[in-house]
N, C-alpha and C. Protein backbone atom coordinates (compact mmCIF):
# COMPACT_ATOMS: atom_id res chain seq x y z
N UNK A 1 -6.29 -15.91 18.94
CA UNK A 1 -8.26 -16.16 18.60
C UNK A 1 -8.03 -14.50 16.95
N UNK A 2 -6.96 -13.79 17.86
CA UNK A 2 -6.58 -12.26 16.81
C UNK A 2 -5.80 -12.72 15.49
N UNK A 3 -4.81 -13.38 15.89
CA UNK A 3 -4.16 -14.22 14.86
C UNK A 3 -4.98 -14.40 13.57
N UNK A 4 -5.67 -15.99 14.30
CA UNK A 4 -6.54 -16.08 13.28
C UNK A 4 -7.96 -15.02 12.75
N UNK A 5 -7.71 -14.12 13.13
CA UNK A 5 -8.58 -13.38 12.39
C UNK A 5 -7.98 -12.15 10.80
N UNK A 6 -6.59 -12.00 11.37
CA UNK A 6 -5.91 -11.32 10.77
C UNK A 6 -5.55 -12.50 9.62
N UNK A 7 -5.30 -13.42 9.95
CA UNK A 7 -4.75 -14.39 8.69
C UNK A 7 -6.15 -14.63 7.98
N UNK A 8 -6.91 -14.78 8.43
CA UNK A 8 -7.85 -14.65 7.53
C UNK A 8 -8.39 -13.48 6.76
N UNK A 9 -8.19 -12.47 7.05
CA UNK A 9 -7.94 -10.93 7.09
C UNK A 9 -7.40 -10.84 5.43
N UNK A 10 -6.02 -11.28 6.05
CA UNK A 10 -5.26 -11.38 4.40
C UNK A 10 -5.14 -12.37 3.31
N UNK A 11 -5.63 -13.18 4.03
CA UNK A 11 -6.06 -14.21 3.24
C UNK A 11 -7.46 -14.11 1.92
N UNK A 12 -8.50 -12.79 3.19
CA UNK A 12 -9.54 -12.77 1.97
C UNK A 12 -8.26 -11.24 0.98
N UNK A 13 -8.23 -11.23 1.49
CA UNK A 13 -7.43 -9.39 0.76
C UNK A 13 -6.45 -9.90 -0.36
N UNK A 14 -5.91 -11.12 -0.18
CA UNK A 14 -5.11 -12.06 -1.41
C UNK A 14 -6.21 -13.10 -1.83
N UNK A 15 -6.89 -13.02 -2.30
CA UNK A 15 -7.74 -14.02 -2.81
C UNK A 15 -8.72 -13.02 -3.59
N UNK A 16 -9.03 -11.50 -3.26
CA UNK A 16 -9.52 -10.31 -4.46
C UNK A 16 -8.98 -10.26 -4.50
N UNK A 17 -8.30 -10.07 -4.02
CA UNK A 17 -6.80 -9.46 -4.93
C UNK A 17 -6.57 -10.44 -6.33
N UNK A 18 -6.08 -11.11 -6.37
CA UNK A 18 -5.95 -12.15 -7.23
C UNK A 18 -6.48 -12.21 -8.06
N UNK A 19 -8.27 -12.47 -7.66
CA UNK A 19 -8.62 -13.10 -7.98
C UNK A 19 -9.69 -11.48 -9.66
N UNK A 20 -8.80 -9.91 -8.99
CA UNK A 20 -9.67 -8.94 -9.54
C UNK A 20 -8.06 -9.28 -10.32
N UNK A 21 -6.64 -8.85 -10.23
CA UNK A 21 -6.08 -9.38 -11.04
C UNK A 21 -6.06 -10.48 -11.79
N UNK A 22 -6.38 -12.18 -11.83
CA UNK A 22 -5.94 -12.76 -13.32
C UNK A 22 -7.36 -12.66 -13.79
N UNK A 23 -8.40 -12.72 -13.14
CA UNK A 23 -9.68 -13.45 -13.55
C UNK A 23 -9.87 -14.77 -13.66
N UNK A 24 -9.25 -15.37 -14.69
CA UNK A 24 -9.02 -17.12 -14.92
C UNK A 24 -8.88 -17.99 -13.36
N UNK A 25 -9.57 -18.63 -13.03
CA UNK A 25 -9.30 -19.78 -12.21
C UNK A 25 -8.19 -20.02 -12.27
N UNK A 26 -7.40 -20.59 -13.41
CA UNK A 26 -6.33 -21.66 -13.85
C UNK A 26 -4.92 -20.53 -13.17
N UNK A 27 -5.73 -19.17 -14.14
CA UNK A 27 -4.19 -18.29 -14.10
C UNK A 27 -4.34 -17.80 -12.25
N UNK A 28 -5.19 -17.72 -11.77
CA UNK A 28 -4.65 -17.11 -10.35
C UNK A 28 -3.92 -18.55 -9.59
N UNK A 29 -3.93 -19.83 -10.11
CA UNK A 29 -4.25 -20.78 -8.87
C UNK A 29 -2.13 -20.93 -9.73
N UNK A 30 -1.80 -20.10 -10.51
CA UNK A 30 -0.67 -20.53 -10.79
C UNK A 30 0.65 -19.26 -10.55
N UNK A 31 -0.12 -18.12 -10.71
CA UNK A 31 0.02 -17.57 -9.94
C UNK A 31 0.50 -17.44 -8.44
N UNK A 32 -0.61 -17.77 -8.03
CA UNK A 32 -0.30 -18.41 -6.44
C UNK A 32 0.79 -19.27 -5.54
N UNK A 33 1.29 -20.54 -6.78
CA UNK A 33 2.11 -21.30 -6.63
C UNK A 33 3.40 -21.15 -6.67
N UNK A 34 2.57 -20.18 -8.06
CA UNK A 34 4.63 -19.27 -8.59
C UNK A 34 4.72 -18.57 -7.29
N UNK A 35 4.51 -17.31 -6.82
CA UNK A 35 4.66 -16.23 -5.85
C UNK A 35 4.51 -16.20 -4.73
N UNK A 36 3.62 -16.52 -4.40
CA UNK A 36 2.78 -17.23 -3.12
C UNK A 36 3.27 -18.19 -2.30
N UNK A 37 3.03 -19.29 -3.36
CA UNK A 37 4.20 -20.57 -2.19
C UNK A 37 2.49 -20.66 -2.08
N UNK A 38 1.25 -20.50 -3.04
CA UNK A 38 0.36 -21.35 -3.04
C UNK A 38 -0.54 -20.82 -1.76
N UNK A 39 0.04 -19.51 -0.58
CA UNK A 39 -1.11 -19.37 0.30
C UNK A 39 -1.60 -17.75 -0.70
N UNK A 40 -2.66 -17.83 0.29
CA UNK A 40 -4.04 -16.48 -0.16
C UNK A 40 -3.48 -15.71 1.31
N UNK A 41 -3.31 -15.80 2.11
CA UNK A 41 -2.69 -15.35 3.40
C UNK A 41 -1.58 -14.68 2.95
N UNK A 42 -0.13 -15.24 1.50
CA UNK A 42 1.12 -13.92 1.99
C UNK A 42 1.10 -13.61 0.86
N UNK A 43 -0.30 -14.19 -0.56
CA UNK A 43 -0.61 -13.10 -1.26
C UNK A 43 -1.11 -11.15 -0.90
N UNK A 44 -1.73 -11.84 0.39
CA UNK A 44 -2.38 -10.43 0.66
C UNK A 44 -1.45 -9.47 1.63
N UNK A 45 -0.43 -10.31 2.08
CA UNK A 45 0.45 -9.97 3.47
C UNK A 45 1.48 -9.29 1.86
N UNK A 46 1.24 -9.44 0.53
CA UNK A 46 1.69 -8.69 0.08
C UNK A 46 1.70 -7.22 -0.82
N UNK A 47 -0.07 -7.55 -0.96
CA UNK A 47 -1.15 -6.23 -1.07
C UNK A 47 -0.71 -5.46 -0.33
N UNK A 48 -0.98 -4.95 1.13
CA UNK A 48 -1.16 -4.75 1.97
C UNK A 48 0.11 -4.58 2.18
N UNK A 49 1.72 -5.21 1.70
CA UNK A 49 2.59 -3.75 1.89
C UNK A 49 3.35 -3.14 0.96
N UNK A 50 2.17 -3.26 -0.61
CA UNK A 50 2.92 -2.22 -0.76
C UNK A 50 2.03 -1.37 -1.18
N UNK A 51 0.86 -1.35 -0.28
CA UNK A 51 -0.50 -0.45 -0.16
C UNK A 51 0.79 0.73 1.70
N UNK A 52 0.85 -0.33 1.50
CA UNK A 52 1.55 0.77 3.26
C UNK A 52 2.75 1.15 2.72
N UNK A 53 3.67 0.52 1.16
CA UNK A 53 5.01 0.86 0.79
C UNK A 53 3.88 2.91 -0.18
N UNK A 54 3.27 3.03 -0.14
CA UNK A 54 2.53 3.67 -0.82
C UNK A 54 1.74 4.77 -0.20
N UNK A 55 1.29 4.24 0.47
CA UNK A 55 0.31 5.59 1.23
C UNK A 55 1.48 6.79 1.76
N UNK A 56 2.46 4.84 2.64
CA UNK A 56 4.40 6.55 3.04
C UNK A 56 4.53 6.74 2.14
N UNK A 57 4.93 6.72 0.61
CA UNK A 57 5.36 7.49 -0.29
C UNK A 57 4.65 8.89 -0.91
N UNK A 58 2.66 8.73 -0.11
CA UNK A 58 1.83 10.06 -0.79
C UNK A 58 2.28 11.40 0.93
N UNK A 59 2.53 10.01 2.43
CA UNK A 59 2.31 10.84 3.22
C UNK A 59 3.63 11.70 3.39
N UNK A 60 5.02 11.26 2.81
CA UNK A 60 6.51 12.36 2.91
C UNK A 60 5.85 13.58 2.00
N UNK A 61 5.13 13.25 0.61
CA UNK A 61 5.11 14.25 -0.46
C UNK A 61 4.23 15.06 0.33
N UNK A 62 3.49 14.87 0.10
CA UNK A 62 2.17 15.41 1.45
C UNK A 62 3.10 16.02 2.88
N UNK A 63 3.92 15.99 3.34
CA UNK A 63 4.84 16.20 4.38
C UNK A 63 5.62 17.37 3.84
N UNK A 64 6.28 17.23 2.23
CA UNK A 64 7.34 17.78 1.29
C UNK A 64 6.56 19.03 1.07
N UNK A 65 5.63 19.24 0.66
CA UNK A 65 4.15 19.95 0.72
C UNK A 65 3.43 21.12 0.93
N UNK A 66 3.59 20.63 2.29
CA UNK A 66 3.63 21.19 3.16
C UNK A 66 4.89 22.08 3.38
N UNK A 67 6.11 21.72 3.68
CA UNK A 67 7.00 22.65 4.64
C UNK A 67 7.74 23.64 3.32
N UNK A 68 7.13 22.76 1.98
CA UNK A 68 8.03 24.12 0.93
C UNK A 68 7.03 24.97 1.31
N UNK A 69 6.04 24.70 0.69
CA UNK A 69 5.02 25.81 1.52
C UNK A 69 5.25 26.39 2.37
N UNK A 70 5.26 26.53 3.31
CA UNK A 70 5.28 26.99 4.41
C UNK A 70 6.71 27.87 4.96
N UNK A 71 8.07 27.04 3.70
CA UNK A 71 8.80 27.86 3.37
C UNK A 71 9.52 29.32 2.30
N UNK A 72 7.64 28.83 1.04
CA UNK A 72 7.82 29.79 0.81
C UNK A 72 6.62 31.01 1.43
N UNK A 73 6.03 31.05 2.12
CA UNK A 73 5.19 31.43 2.58
C UNK A 73 6.92 33.04 3.18
N UNK A 74 7.94 32.05 4.41
CA UNK A 74 8.63 32.31 5.45
C UNK A 74 9.54 33.30 4.78
N UNK A 75 9.73 33.19 3.43
CA UNK A 75 10.74 33.98 2.52
C UNK A 75 9.92 34.95 1.88
N UNK A 76 8.35 34.88 1.76
CA UNK A 76 7.65 36.09 1.37
C UNK A 76 7.43 37.08 2.24
N UNK A 77 7.40 36.14 3.85
CA UNK A 77 6.82 37.25 5.69
C UNK A 77 7.85 38.26 4.86
N UNK A 78 9.41 37.47 5.10
CA UNK A 78 10.53 37.86 5.35
C UNK A 78 11.18 39.45 4.42
N UNK A 79 10.79 38.80 2.85
CA UNK A 79 10.61 39.46 1.81
C UNK A 79 10.07 41.18 1.90
N UNK A 80 9.29 40.99 2.82
CA UNK A 80 7.43 41.72 2.67
C UNK A 80 8.56 42.67 3.79
N UNK A 81 9.43 41.79 4.82
CA UNK A 81 9.13 43.40 6.09
C UNK A 81 10.42 44.38 5.80
N UNK A 82 11.30 43.64 4.27
CA UNK A 82 13.06 44.97 4.14
C UNK A 82 11.78 46.07 3.63
């Protein structure tokens, strides 16, 4: 049951993504057939994968920024104690 709901969610995401990106039904069908094996769920999986990869990059950049800030604060504190 949960698998079919997840499949339907991915198909919905794929449908919305393709129609927002290509607008014309003929172009959507062409892209769906060429890139995603004529399956909206495959397109939705590709969109979700891209979003997750983007989120991972953003989180890594935030972690690096926090680390550099903490390093700078530690160095500033060390310099201030001397």
